[in-house]
Structure formats: C-alpha cells, structure tokens
Amino acid sequence: MRISTLFYFLFQGIKNLFRNRLISVATISIVAATLFITSVFYLLSVNINYGIKTLEQSVGFVIFFKEGTEEPAILALKKIIEARAETKEVVYISADAAWEKTKTEWFAEKPEVLAYFTENPLKNAASLTVRCYSIKEQQRLLTYIKQSPDIRLIRYPEEMAEKIVRFDGLIRSVSIVMI
C-alpha cells in the first residue's frame, strides 16, 4: 500500500465523520458505553472474587478435645495439622487461656460473679482453631482430622461454607457471561 492511498483513506474517513455527524456520534457513544459497562462488570467481578477469597480464608473450625486429653497430645496433633499443605493457621488455646479470655470478655463488668468460681470451669476446654487457604480444602482436612480418637467435637460453619462455595460459583458464571 502506498502512502498516498493511506492518506486518501484517512482523509475520506475524517470527511465522512463530519458529513455523517449523528451516526458518528451514535457509534462512538455505543462503543464508549460498551467499554464502560464491560469495565464495570469486570471490576465488580474482581472485587467480589477478592471478597469471597478473603471470606473463605477467615472461615475456620474449632476442635475440642475429650476430657483427659493431655497437652502434649494436643500439641502433637497441632504439629500434624500445621504440616498439611491446606493449613493456613493453627492456634492452640489452652483451658487456662480460654478461662482468662472468658473472664475478661464476659465478666469484666461484673467481677463479683467470679467469686462463685473456685476453680476453672473450662478445665477440659482446650481447643485448636484451624484456618485453611480455601473452603474446599477444609473438607479434606476435616475428614483427616476426624480420625483422631482424642477429638470430642468439631465446630464448623458447614452451612455458611456451602453458601460461600455456591455464591462463588454463581459470581464466576455471571462474570463470564457478562464479560
């Protein structure tokens, strides 16, 4: 293609823009609106996915141990859980620490109630709080942990976890369709 042909096409394009002003403005407006709407949906999708990821990582479960389970056995299980790939964080809360936390949170305004407790009522309440990198990985870790004979109870917000997974799938599907 010669340079003169390129200038001819460019000149004809500019000349037709001014000749058909209404159509040109409408076309440019449609392209701008389409780009804007696509950008808005993309930004919404990215922000919602980030929020879901953050929420997934904050949801965890708490493991309570049977009466008489010694601290070395609990700490051994903690090390095993920490060594797993899906584990993000494991926090050990001893029975004494749980009682101190309860005293400061629940009885701070009414210290006279504490006089009724002669010993730690939470003496068998040692626990591990576990967080994973994603909710899908938590199911695999829970299945593994439930095999331990020292576990009395596992508190896990299963219903909330399922809703997060479903909502995540819905948002991803809608984002793909909209973008």
Foldseek 3Di string as FASTA:
>chain_A
DDPVVVVVVVVVVVVVCVVPVVVNVVVVVVVVVLVVQLVVLVVVLVVVLVVLQVVFQVFWKKWFWDPPDDPVVVVVVVVVLVPDPFWDDKDKQALVNVQVVCCVPPCVVPCVVVVVDPDRPSNRGIMMITGGSGLVVNVVSVVVVVVDPGTDDMGGPVVVNVVSVVVNVVSVVVSVVSD
